[in-house]
Amino acid sequence: MSESVWDYPRPPRMEPVSDRIEVVFGGRTLARSERGYRVLEASHPPVYYFPPADVDLQMLIRAAGSSWYEFKGQAIYWSVGFDGKVVERVAWSYPNPSAPFSAIAEFLAFYASKMEKCRVGGKSVIPQEGDFYGGWITEGIVGPFKGRPGSEAW
């Protein structure tokens, strides 16, 4: 069964994920959870959020800067440090999200394009093109997807 991102709502909807979600970086599991959430928004592949208890926070470094999202509020960014290397802004979180998204306060979302592997239910994901939205494309998720060059005005 397929899900069209054009059937997702705006404002976005959040739902729990019971499938195992995973992030691998540098051969290490950076995050693994069966208690995550996915946020669904029109024209975007789902964004997966991990509870902080299921993330190796020792590998993360608070990055400079923040951004504002009209539906969730102020986001902060995280970089990953490993074997003396730092990869900037690989993840983001909402320390104090708006009320409809309070369940993901402090949860972390990762850009699949900056990770070695990301999986949902044991299956590898394809990163959403461009690094603005950070969606994860899985089997059954169909577009077209906003995010690639030229899609800003959609």
Foldseek 3Di string as FASTA:
>chain_A
DADELQPAAPVKAKDWAQWWKWFAAPNHTQFIDRGWMWIRYRQAAIWIWGAPVRGPCVQKDWDDDWDADPQWGIKTFIWGDDPRDIDGGFKIAACCTPPNPRVRRVTITGQCVVTPFIDTNPDTWDGDAARPPRHTHDPRYDHNHAHHPPRPVD
